[in-house]
Amino acid sequence: MDQEIIVAMKGHPCTGKSTLAELIADELKCTPIKLDDVRSCITMLQQQQPLGDAQESLNNLSFEIICQTALIQLRSGLSVVLDSPLLHRAHLDRLLELSTTTKLPLVIVECIPRDRVQWKLRLEKQQQQQEDVVNGGGGGDGATCCWYRPSTTWDDLQRQLNTFRDYEVGEGEIRKLVVDTTSHFKPKVSHAVSRLSLCKLSHCVDLTQWVRDGFDGLEGEEDWKENKVSKQEEEQRPTNHVHRLTTISNINEETINKKGVTSCCRKCQQEIITGEEGPCPTTYYKCANCDVVLHKSCAETPNKEELKPFHCLPFLDPSSLEYSFPDKYSCHFHSDANNGGFSYDCPECLFESHLRCAMLPSVLHFHELHYGPLFFAIFPARHDMTFYCQACGHEGKDAFYMCNDCPLIMHVNCALLPPTLKYQRHQHTLTLTCPPQLDDSEMEYICDTCENGRDPNRWVYECLECGVYTSHLNCVAPVKLNLP
């Protein structure tokens, strides 16, 4: 970036603040300034005061120290990333003062893990680590280093959340990015922070929705592109967004042409006949952000044959985990010989090859399991586009199916699992099931196949006939679900 920025994390314990702070700081080429580091250094002061008085006064002192450290770093020409809970209005006011003094933009990154089961697991892991330090830290020293921050249980945190009231922020007061740290696109966080810092106006943006919208421009946003290009050249460049396909029916050709949308199917290259009336009007898919249009039949089936069960990314090289299409097709930009032809680093070349090779459907319908269709998206393997699959709970990267209307994102092979299957260890047919989302429960959920614990919010195969057999997806389905 051309100018320095101030990034401040915000969130409750174990929401992923420190992990994101490290990621953003790495992109900004600076070191995050952590409130916990300061508090650890002044722990002895806390032991000299009553616990109630010590907590508030030393938290305020620690926050002032990291602000002063940030000021020194900013004056040295470096951006800063402050890692603290930022749960008090007075601390936000101090950051706004710092932003005004230095005349540098302030961006708040609020971490909200929407998957509460994953949040609980993180908290329990941290609690165990703290107990290990205290018990194995050589007596007093081990206990001292963690004493200022008592171990917090999940029940303790729930009581705090029930009584917590976030401070009010005036309209147009701050730029804030809200990140779901259990299902976000990690590499996009730094880009989103940079974009927000260039806005003259204040915004509150949800990262997941912004990515789904193809990082649409924000009101008051200055030119964020690293290389200024002419309008004509910019129009020729390939797009870099998830194709949000929407169903179009009974639209006449004249209306389409007025919008500048081609009526040629991107997959089969045949004309889409529009404007038909009667009981069977023409229905097709169109991207909300560009001119991609597809016949309904071309979008929903990979080819004339039925998709085989467990068909998993046929264009993924199992040895290198990189794409290897049988035939390569260039996007409109790279089809020009001067631009090098097909590129594995171009999302549009990849999507074009996906369409023309006809190996996977671009649109999936789950019927009973999900109310709307899922749409295929693919990104270059080198971009490290990571996500958390809402079906199995494992991390994936680069290629996935997603819903336009809700946060559902799935591995390709999770999305292609059969609705029912037979498993040798159970007499009845197992059915793919999406369980209701549970906030929290003290009940222990067990996979009847591997006999290990399972997340009650993840999809399972279960027996609906006897109701006594429930299994992880990857315990009964013969695919590796940790692949994209």
Protein backbone atom coordinates (compact mmCIF):
# COMPACT_ATOMS: atom_id res chain seq x y z
CA MET A 1 0.00 0.00 0.00
CA ASP A 2 1.08 3.58 -0.66
CA GLN A 3 0.10 4.86 2.78
CA GLU A 4 0.20 3.44 6.29
CA ILE A 5 -3.01 2.29 7.97
CA ILE A 6 -4.15 1.44 11.50
CA VAL A 7 -5.83 -1.95 11.87
CA ALA A 8 -7.47 -2.84 15.20
CA MET A 9 -8.84 -6.28 15.99
CA LYS A 10 -12.04 -6.70 18.00
CA GLY A 11 -13.69 -9.74 19.56
CA HIS A 12 -14.29 -11.97 22.55
CA PRO A 13 -11.87 -14.71 23.72
CA CYS A 14 -10.87 -17.36 21.15
CA THR A 15 -12.65 -15.68 18.24
CA GLY A 16 -9.53 -15.85 16.07
CA LYS A 17 -8.25 -12.29 16.58
CA SER A 18 -4.57 -13.18 16.93
CA THR A 19 -4.59 -15.51 13.92
CA LEU A 20 -6.08 -12.83 11.68
CA ALA A 21 -3.82 -10.16 13.17
CA GLU A 22 -0.77 -12.21 12.18
CA LEU A 23 -2.16 -12.70 8.67
CA ILE A 24 -2.90 -9.00 8.14
CA ALA A 25 0.40 -7.89 9.67
CA ASP A 26 2.29 -10.24 7.36
CA GLU A 27 0.64 -8.61 4.33
CA LEU A 28 1.37 -5.12 5.68
CA LYS A 29 4.97 -6.12 6.49
CA CYS A 30 4.78 -5.22 10.16
CA THR A 31 4.57 -6.99 13.52
CA PRO A 32 1.23 -7.07 15.38
CA ILE A 33 1.17 -5.21 18.70
CA LYS A 34 -0.50 -7.51 21.20
CA LEU A 35 -2.25 -6.44 24.38
CA ASP A 36 -1.54 -9.85 25.93
CA ASP A 37 2.22 -9.32 25.57
CA VAL A 38 2.02 -6.08 27.55
CA ARG A 39 -0.24 -7.56 30.21
CA SER A 40 2.14 -10.47 30.67
CA CYS A 41 5.00 -8.04 31.30
CA ILE A 42 3.17 -6.15 34.04
CA THR A 43 1.62 -9.14 35.80
CA MET A 44 3.51 -8.39 39.01
CA LEU A 45 1.66 -5.06 39.31
CA GLN A 46 -1.63 -6.93 39.31
CA GLN A 47 -0.58 -9.04 42.28
CA GLN A 48 -0.13 -5.86 44.34
CA GLN A 49 -3.75 -4.71 43.91
CA PRO A 50 -7.21 -6.17 44.60
CA LEU A 51 -8.27 -8.29 41.62
CA GLY A 52 -11.28 -6.15 40.64
CA ASP A 53 -9.32 -2.88 40.65
CA ALA A 54 -6.29 -4.43 38.98
CA GLN A 55 -8.14 -5.86 35.99
CA GLU A 56 -9.62 -2.58 34.76
CA SER A 57 -6.73 -0.26 35.58
CA LEU A 58 -4.05 -2.53 34.11
CA ASN A 59 -6.12 -3.25 31.00
CA ASN A 60 -6.39 0.49 30.41
CA LEU A 61 -2.67 0.96 31.08
CA SER A 62 -1.80 -1.88 28.70
CA PHE A 63 -4.00 -0.44 25.97
CA GLU A 64 -2.36 2.97 26.32
CA ILE A 65 1.06 1.32 26.04
CA ILE A 66 0.17 -0.44 22.77
CA CYS A 67 -1.27 2.84 21.42
CA GLN A 68 1.98 4.66 22.23
CA THR A 69 3.93 1.83 20.61
CA ALA A 70 1.69 2.10 17.55
CA LEU A 71 2.33 5.85 17.34
CA ILE A 72 6.09 5.29 17.29
CA GLN A 73 5.70 2.64 14.58
CA LEU A 74 3.46 4.90 12.47
CA ARG A 75 5.95 7.76 12.70
CA SER A 76 8.57 5.34 11.40
CA GLY A 77 6.52 4.85 8.24
CA LEU A 78 5.01 1.47 9.13
CA SER A 79 1.40 0.34 9.34
CA VAL A 80 0.19 -1.09 12.64
CA VAL A 81 -2.04 -3.99 13.65
CA LEU A 82 -3.31 -3.85 17.24
CA ASP A 83 -4.43 -7.16 18.70
CA SER A 84 -6.82 -6.51 21.60
CA PRO A 85 -10.47 -7.27 22.47
CA LEU A 86 -11.51 -3.61 21.92
CA LEU A 87 -14.69 -4.20 23.94
CA HIS A 88 -14.70 -0.78 25.65
CA ARG A 89 -15.84 2.46 24.04
CA ALA A 90 -12.97 4.37 25.67
CA HIS A 91 -10.46 2.19 23.82
CA LEU A 92 -12.16 2.89 20.48
CA ASP A 93 -12.11 6.62 21.25
CA ARG A 94 -8.36 6.36 21.88
CA LEU A 95 -7.87 4.73 18.47
CA LEU A 96 -9.99 7.39 16.76
CA GLU A 97 -7.80 10.00 18.43
CA LEU A 98 -4.70 8.19 17.15
CA SER A 99 -6.18 8.11 13.64
CA THR A 100 -6.97 11.84 13.78
CA THR A 101 -3.52 12.73 15.12
CA THR A 102 -1.66 10.79 12.45
CA LYS A 103 -4.22 11.51 9.68
CA LEU A 104 -4.19 7.82 8.80
CA PRO A 105 -7.23 5.57 8.18
CA LEU A 106 -8.46 3.26 10.94
CA VAL A 107 -10.04 -0.12 10.06
CA ILE A 108 -11.70 -2.27 12.73
CA VAL A 109 -11.68 -6.04 12.09
CA GLU A 110 -14.37 -7.67 14.24
CA CYS A 111 -14.06 -11.45 14.63
CA ILE A 112 -17.35 -13.31 15.08
CA PRO A 113 -17.18 -17.13 14.88
CA ARG A 114 -20.68 -18.08 13.74
CA ASP A 115 -20.01 -21.79 14.20
CA ARG A 116 -20.36 -21.96 17.98
CA VAL A 117 -19.22 -25.57 18.17
CA GLN A 118 -15.87 -24.66 16.61
CA TRP A 119 -15.65 -21.66 18.94
CA LYS A 120 -16.21 -23.92 21.94
CA LEU A 121 -13.48 -26.30 20.78
CA ARG A 122 -11.04 -23.40 20.44
CA LEU A 123 -11.83 -22.18 23.94
CA GLU A 124 -11.40 -25.65 25.44
CA LYS A 125 -8.06 -26.01 23.65
CA GLN A 126 -6.83 -22.68 25.03
CA GLN A 127 -8.07 -23.61 28.50
CA GLN A 128 -6.10 -26.86 28.35
CA GLN A 129 -2.97 -25.03 27.19
CA GLN A 130 -3.22 -22.58 30.09
CA GLU A 131 -3.63 -25.43 32.56
CA ASP A 132 -0.59 -27.17 31.08
CA VAL A 133 1.49 -23.99 31.51
CA VAL A 134 0.40 -23.57 35.12
CA ASN A 135 0.92 -27.21 36.03
CA GLY A 136 4.16 -27.68 34.14
CA GLY A 137 5.68 -24.23 34.31
CA GLY A 138 7.92 -24.82 37.28
CA GLY A 139 5.73 -23.61 40.12
CA GLY A 140 5.24 -19.89 40.61
CA ASP A 141 6.60 -18.73 37.27
CA GLY A 142 4.18 -20.86 35.30
CA ALA A 143 1.22 -19.66 37.32
CA THR A 144 2.31 -16.04 37.16
CA CYS A 145 2.48 -15.81 33.37
CA CYS A 146 -1.22 -16.65 33.03
CA TRP A 147 -2.55 -15.26 36.29
CA TYR A 148 -3.80 -11.96 34.85
CA ARG A 149 -6.17 -13.82 32.51
CA PRO A 150 -8.01 -16.52 34.49
CA SER A 151 -8.99 -19.65 32.60
CA THR A 152 -12.41 -19.14 30.98
CA THR A 153 -14.81 -22.04 30.49
CA TRP A 154 -17.49 -22.15 27.81
CA ASP A 155 -20.18 -21.66 30.47
CA ASP A 156 -18.32 -18.62 31.82
CA LEU A 157 -18.15 -17.15 28.33
CA GLN A 158 -21.86 -17.75 27.71
CA ARG A 159 -22.72 -15.88 30.90
CA GLN A 160 -20.49 -13.00 29.80
CA LEU A 161 -22.10 -12.89 26.36
CA ASN A 162 -25.59 -12.89 27.87
CA THR A 163 -24.81 -9.79 29.93
CA PHE A 164 -22.48 -8.07 27.44
CA ARG A 165 -23.82 -4.97 25.71
CA ASP A 166 -21.65 -3.66 22.91
CA TYR A 167 -21.05 0.07 22.80
CA GLU A 168 -22.86 2.18 20.25
CA VAL A 169 -21.01 3.54 17.25
CA GLY A 170 -22.32 6.59 15.45
CA GLU A 171 -23.31 6.34 11.80
CA GLY A 172 -20.32 7.02 9.58
CA GLU A 173 -17.90 6.90 12.52
CA ILE A 174 -15.68 3.94 11.62
CA ARG A 175 -14.71 1.53 8.86
CA LYS A 176 -15.40 -2.00 10.08
CA LEU A 177 -14.92 -5.43 8.53
CA VAL A 178 -16.89 -8.28 10.12
CA VAL A 179 -15.21 -11.68 9.67
CA ASP A 180 -16.68 -15.09 10.41
CA THR A 181 -13.49 -16.78 11.58
CA THR A 182 -14.97 -20.27 11.24
CA SER A 183 -15.89 -20.04 7.55
CA HIS A 184 -14.14 -17.03 6.04
CA PHE A 185 -11.93 -16.78 2.96
CA LYS A 186 -8.61 -16.19 4.72
CA PRO A 187 -6.54 -14.74 1.85
CA LYS A 188 -9.24 -12.13 1.18
CA VAL A 189 -9.07 -10.48 4.62
CA SER A 190 -6.00 -8.35 3.87
CA HIS A 191 -7.42 -7.29 0.51
CA ALA A 192 -10.69 -6.27 2.18
CA VAL A 193 -8.84 -4.27 4.84
CA SER A 194 -6.86 -2.43 2.15
CA ARG A 195 -10.02 -1.65 0.20
CA LEU A 196 -11.79 -0.30 3.30
CA SER A 197 -8.81 1.88 4.20
CA LEU A 198 -9.15 3.66 0.84
CA CYS A 199 -12.78 4.62 1.45
CA LYS A 200 -13.39 8.26 2.25
CA LEU A 201 -16.71 7.23 3.79
CA SER A 202 -17.21 4.83 6.69
CA HIS A 203 -18.67 1.38 6.14
CA CYS A 204 -19.53 -1.80 8.04
CA VAL A 205 -18.94 -4.72 5.67
CA ASP A 206 -19.43 -8.46 6.15
CA LEU A 207 -16.48 -10.21 4.48
CA THR A 208 -18.39 -13.33 3.43
CA GLN A 209 -21.08 -11.33 1.66
CA TRP A 210 -18.53 -8.99 0.07
CA VAL A 211 -16.61 -11.93 -1.40
CA ARG A 212 -19.87 -13.39 -2.71
CA ASP A 213 -20.63 -10.04 -4.36
CA GLY A 214 -17.30 -10.15 -6.18
CA PHE A 215 -15.83 -7.35 -4.03
CA ASP A 216 -18.18 -4.76 -5.50
CA GLY A 217 -16.98 -1.17 -5.20
CA LEU A 218 -17.89 0.75 -2.05
CA GLU A 219 -19.34 4.24 -1.96
CA GLY A 220 -16.56 6.77 -1.49
CA GLU A 221 -13.84 4.29 -2.45
CA GLU A 222 -10.79 5.75 -4.13
CA ASP A 223 -9.03 3.95 -6.96
CA TRP A 224 -7.61 0.84 -5.28
CA LYS A 225 -6.07 -0.79 -8.34
CA GLU A 226 -2.30 -1.03 -8.14
CA ASN A 227 -1.85 -0.30 -11.84
CA LYS A 228 -3.92 2.41 -13.48
CA VAL A 229 -5.28 1.17 -16.82
CA SER A 230 -7.44 2.73 -19.48
CA LYS A 231 -11.18 2.12 -19.44
CA GLN A 232 -10.94 0.09 -22.65
CA GLU A 233 -8.16 -2.10 -21.26
CA GLU A 234 -10.04 -2.57 -17.99
CA GLU A 235 -13.13 -3.78 -19.87
CA GLN A 236 -11.00 -6.39 -21.64
CA ARG A 237 -9.45 -7.79 -18.48
CA PRO A 238 -10.90 -11.07 -17.15
CA THR A 239 -13.26 -10.81 -14.21
CA ASN A 240 -12.22 -12.18 -10.83
CA HIS A 241 -15.42 -13.09 -9.03
CA VAL A 242 -17.63 -16.03 -8.15
CA HIS A 243 -20.25 -16.33 -10.90
CA ARG A 244 -23.54 -15.72 -9.10
CA LEU A 245 -25.87 -17.46 -11.54
CA THR A 246 -29.53 -16.51 -11.35
CA THR A 247 -32.46 -18.11 -13.16
CA ILE A 248 -33.95 -16.07 -16.01
CA SER A 249 -37.34 -16.97 -17.51
CA ASN A 250 -39.60 -15.45 -20.18
CA ILE A 251 -37.31 -12.51 -20.99
CA ASN A 252 -37.52 -11.28 -24.56
CA GLU A 253 -34.40 -11.00 -26.67
CA GLU A 254 -34.79 -7.26 -27.17
CA THR A 255 -34.56 -6.65 -23.41
CA ILE A 256 -31.46 -8.81 -23.15
CA ASN A 257 -29.70 -7.03 -25.98
CA LYS A 258 -30.44 -3.67 -24.38
CA LYS A 259 -28.56 -4.85 -21.30
CA GLY A 260 -25.62 -5.91 -23.47
CA VAL A 261 -25.92 -9.58 -22.49
CA THR A 262 -25.00 -12.19 -25.07
CA SER A 263 -27.55 -14.89 -25.87
CA CYS A 264 -24.88 -17.50 -26.62
CA CYS A 265 -24.47 -20.26 -24.03
CA ARG A 266 -20.92 -20.15 -22.69
CA LYS A 267 -20.76 -23.96 -22.42
CA CYS A 268 -22.23 -25.38 -25.64
CA GLN A 269 -21.67 -22.19 -27.68
CA GLN A 270 -25.22 -22.49 -29.05
CA GLU A 271 -27.73 -19.66 -29.18
CA ILE A 272 -30.20 -19.34 -26.32
CA ILE A 273 -33.65 -18.79 -27.81
CA THR A 274 -35.35 -16.23 -25.60
CA GLY A 275 -38.80 -14.74 -25.42
CA GLU A 276 -40.70 -18.00 -25.89
CA GLU A 277 -44.17 -17.98 -24.40
CA GLY A 278 -46.53 -20.74 -23.42
CA PRO A 279 -46.39 -23.56 -20.86
CA CYS A 280 -42.62 -24.16 -21.34
CA PRO A 281 -40.86 -20.77 -21.58
CA THR A 282 -37.11 -20.63 -22.07
CA THR A 283 -35.23 -20.82 -18.78
CA TYR A 284 -31.52 -20.24 -18.47
CA TYR A 285 -28.89 -19.00 -16.03
CA LYS A 286 -27.17 -15.62 -16.12
CA CYS A 287 -24.35 -14.28 -13.95
CA ALA A 288 -25.40 -11.26 -11.92
CA ASN A 289 -21.96 -9.65 -12.33
CA CYS A 290 -20.97 -10.33 -15.95
CA ASP A 291 -22.22 -11.58 -19.32
CA VAL A 292 -21.98 -15.36 -18.66
CA VAL A 293 -25.21 -17.14 -19.68
CA LEU A 294 -25.90 -20.88 -19.73
CA HIS A 295 -28.72 -23.12 -20.88
CA LYS A 296 -30.46 -24.66 -17.89
CA SER A 297 -29.54 -28.13 -19.14
CA CYS A 298 -25.90 -27.11 -19.70
CA ALA A 299 -25.58 -25.67 -16.20
CA GLU A 300 -27.21 -28.52 -14.29
CA THR A 301 -25.59 -31.58 -15.90
CA PRO A 302 -21.89 -32.12 -16.66
CA ASN A 303 -22.62 -33.91 -19.95
CA LYS A 304 -25.18 -36.21 -21.57
CA GLU A 305 -24.29 -39.05 -19.20
CA GLU A 306 -25.32 -39.21 -15.56
CA LEU A 307 -22.71 -38.10 -13.06
CA LYS A 308 -21.09 -41.13 -11.44
CA PRO A 309 -21.31 -41.47 -7.65
CA PHE A 310 -18.31 -40.06 -5.77
CA HIS A 311 -17.07 -38.30 -8.89
CA CYS A 312 -14.47 -36.02 -7.31
CA LEU A 313 -12.67 -33.22 -9.16
CA PRO A 314 -11.70 -35.19 -12.27
CA PHE A 315 -9.36 -32.38 -13.32
CA LEU A 316 -7.32 -32.38 -10.09
CA ASP A 317 -3.88 -34.00 -10.30
CA PRO A 318 -3.74 -36.30 -7.21
CA SER A 319 0.05 -36.04 -6.92
CA SER A 320 0.42 -32.25 -7.10
CA LEU A 321 -3.17 -31.27 -6.13
CA GLU A 322 -3.13 -28.81 -9.04
CA TYR A 323 -5.57 -28.58 -11.92
CA SER A 324 -4.98 -30.67 -15.01
CA PHE A 325 -7.80 -30.17 -17.52
CA PRO A 326 -7.92 -32.61 -20.46
CA ASP A 327 -8.50 -29.60 -22.73
CA LYS A 328 -7.69 -25.99 -21.94
CA TYR A 329 -9.88 -23.06 -22.97
CA SER A 330 -8.88 -19.42 -22.64
CA CYS A 331 -11.04 -16.57 -21.41
CA HIS A 332 -11.73 -13.68 -23.79
CA PHE A 333 -8.71 -11.77 -22.45
CA HIS A 334 -6.13 -14.57 -22.67
CA SER A 335 -7.45 -15.87 -25.99
CA ASP A 336 -5.46 -13.01 -27.53
CA ALA A 337 -2.05 -14.42 -28.47
CA ASN A 338 -0.42 -11.27 -27.08
CA ASN A 339 -1.75 -12.16 -23.63
CA GLY A 340 -0.22 -15.62 -23.51
CA GLY A 341 -3.23 -17.90 -24.02
CA PHE A 342 -4.68 -20.16 -21.30
CA SER A 343 -3.40 -19.37 -17.80
CA TYR A 344 -3.73 -21.54 -14.68
CA ASP A 345 -3.50 -18.29 -12.70
CA CYS A 346 -6.64 -16.83 -14.32
CA PRO A 347 -9.97 -17.69 -12.62
CA GLU A 348 -11.86 -17.05 -15.87
CA CYS A 349 -9.65 -19.43 -17.87
CA LEU A 350 -10.28 -22.07 -15.21
CA PHE A 351 -14.04 -21.47 -15.22
CA GLU A 352 -14.11 -21.52 -19.03
CA SER A 353 -12.24 -24.85 -19.07
CA HIS A 354 -14.58 -26.23 -16.40
CA LEU A 355 -17.58 -25.33 -18.55
CA ARG A 356 -16.24 -26.58 -21.86
CA CYS A 357 -14.74 -29.83 -20.52
CA ALA A 358 -18.17 -30.63 -19.02
CA MET A 359 -16.90 -32.71 -16.10
CA LEU A 360 -18.87 -31.17 -13.24
CA PRO A 361 -22.26 -29.46 -13.07
CA SER A 362 -22.21 -25.70 -12.60
CA VAL A 363 -25.49 -25.81 -10.66
CA LEU A 364 -26.59 -28.43 -8.10
CA HIS A 365 -30.02 -28.91 -6.52
CA PHE A 366 -30.28 -30.59 -3.11
CA HIS A 367 -34.08 -30.61 -2.97
CA GLU A 368 -34.94 -31.58 0.64
CA LEU A 369 -31.48 -30.82 2.07
CA HIS A 370 -31.22 -27.22 0.90
CA TYR A 371 -33.91 -24.88 -0.33
CA GLY A 372 -31.86 -23.31 -3.14
CA PRO A 373 -29.30 -24.34 -5.76
CA LEU A 374 -25.54 -24.44 -5.21
CA PHE A 375 -23.16 -22.88 -7.73
CA PHE A 376 -19.68 -24.02 -8.70
CA ALA A 377 -16.71 -21.70 -8.17
CA ILE A 378 -13.04 -22.23 -8.96
CA PHE A 379 -9.90 -20.21 -8.20
CA PRO A 380 -6.22 -20.70 -9.10
CA ALA A 381 -4.49 -23.21 -6.81
CA ARG A 382 -1.70 -20.70 -6.11
CA HIS A 383 -4.21 -18.20 -4.69
CA ASP A 384 -4.72 -20.42 -1.63
CA MET A 385 -8.45 -19.64 -1.46
CA THR A 386 -9.38 -21.50 1.73
CA PHE A 387 -12.78 -22.12 3.29
CA TYR A 388 -14.51 -24.37 5.81
CA CYS A 389 -16.95 -26.90 4.36
CA GLN A 390 -20.31 -26.53 6.10
CA ALA A 391 -21.09 -30.20 5.45
CA CYS A 392 -18.07 -32.08 6.85
CA GLY A 393 -16.40 -29.24 8.78
CA HIS A 394 -12.95 -29.71 7.22
CA GLU A 395 -10.96 -27.00 5.47
CA GLY A 396 -10.92 -26.90 1.69
CA LYS A 397 -9.38 -24.71 -0.97
CA ASP A 398 -9.77 -23.29 -4.45
CA ALA A 399 -12.84 -25.14 -5.83
CA PHE A 400 -16.22 -25.44 -4.12
CA TYR A 401 -19.99 -25.21 -4.36
CA MET A 402 -21.77 -22.32 -2.66
CA CYS A 403 -25.23 -20.87 -2.17
CA ASN A 404 -26.00 -17.31 -3.27
CA ASP A 405 -28.50 -16.69 -0.48
CA CYS A 406 -26.88 -18.20 2.63
CA PRO A 407 -23.37 -18.98 3.97
CA LEU A 408 -23.42 -22.62 2.77
CA ILE A 409 -20.07 -23.57 1.18
CA MET A 410 -19.10 -27.18 0.45
CA HIS A 411 -16.25 -29.28 -0.89
CA VAL A 412 -16.98 -30.43 -4.42
CA ASN A 413 -17.04 -34.07 -3.37
CA CYS A 414 -19.25 -33.36 -0.34
CA ALA A 415 -21.75 -31.66 -2.63
CA LEU A 416 -21.72 -34.67 -4.98
CA LEU A 417 -22.35 -37.31 -2.32
CA PRO A 418 -25.36 -39.54 -3.08
CA PRO A 419 -28.56 -38.87 -1.10
CA THR A 420 -28.66 -42.50 0.08
CA LEU A 421 -26.20 -45.39 0.26
CA LYS A 422 -25.78 -48.88 1.67
CA TYR A 423 -23.07 -49.54 4.24
CA GLN A 424 -21.86 -53.02 5.13
CA ARG A 425 -21.96 -52.49 8.91
CA HIS A 426 -25.65 -51.54 8.97
CA GLN A 427 -28.61 -53.44 7.58
CA HIS A 428 -30.69 -50.44 6.45
CA THR A 429 -30.10 -47.74 3.85
CA LEU A 430 -28.36 -44.61 5.18
CA THR A 431 -29.66 -41.18 4.20
CA LEU A 432 -27.63 -37.98 3.81
CA THR A 433 -28.99 -35.56 6.42
CA CYS A 434 -28.43 -31.92 7.28
CA PRO A 435 -29.05 -31.62 11.05
CA PRO A 436 -30.62 -28.51 12.62
CA GLN A 437 -28.08 -25.93 13.81
CA LEU A 438 -27.48 -26.17 17.56
CA ASP A 439 -26.03 -23.30 19.58
CA ASP A 440 -24.64 -25.46 22.33
CA SER A 441 -25.40 -28.68 24.09
CA GLU A 442 -23.83 -30.70 26.86
CA MET A 443 -24.81 -33.89 25.03
CA GLU A 444 -22.02 -35.95 23.51
CA TYR A 445 -22.54 -36.91 19.87
CA ILE A 446 -20.83 -40.08 18.64
CA CYS A 447 -20.21 -41.46 15.16
CA ASP A 448 -21.47 -45.05 15.15
CA THR A 449 -18.90 -46.06 12.53
CA CYS A 450 -15.61 -44.81 14.04
CA GLU A 451 -17.02 -44.41 17.59
CA ASN A 452 -15.38 -40.99 17.93
CA GLY A 453 -17.09 -37.71 18.76
CA ARG A 454 -18.76 -35.70 16.02
CA ASP A 455 -19.94 -32.12 15.55
CA PRO A 456 -23.77 -32.08 15.81
CA ASN A 457 -23.95 -29.21 13.30
CA ARG A 458 -22.25 -31.14 10.48
CA TRP A 459 -23.96 -33.26 7.86
CA VAL A 460 -24.19 -36.99 8.50
CA TYR A 461 -25.41 -40.24 7.03
CA GLU A 462 -28.07 -41.67 9.30
CA CYS A 463 -30.61 -44.47 9.30
CA LEU A 464 -34.10 -43.01 9.16
CA GLU A 465 -35.67 -46.45 9.41
CA CYS A 466 -34.39 -47.48 12.85
CA GLY A 467 -32.92 -44.16 14.02
CA VAL A 468 -30.00 -45.76 15.85
CA TYR A 469 -27.13 -45.35 13.37
CA THR A 470 -25.45 -42.02 12.56
CA SER A 471 -22.06 -41.59 10.90
CA HIS A 472 -19.51 -39.03 9.74
CA LEU A 473 -19.67 -38.54 5.98
CA ASN A 474 -16.13 -39.74 5.39
CA CYS A 475 -16.59 -42.84 7.55
CA VAL A 476 -19.08 -44.41 5.14
CA ALA A 477 -18.46 -42.59 1.83
CA PRO A 478 -15.44 -43.86 -0.18
CA VAL A 479 -13.95 -40.43 -0.90
CA LYS A 480 -11.36 -38.24 0.78
CA LEU A 481 -13.42 -35.34 2.01
CA ASN A 482 -10.45 -33.17 2.97
CA LEU A 483 -9.72 -32.51 -0.70
CA PRO A 484 -11.35 -29.53 -2.47
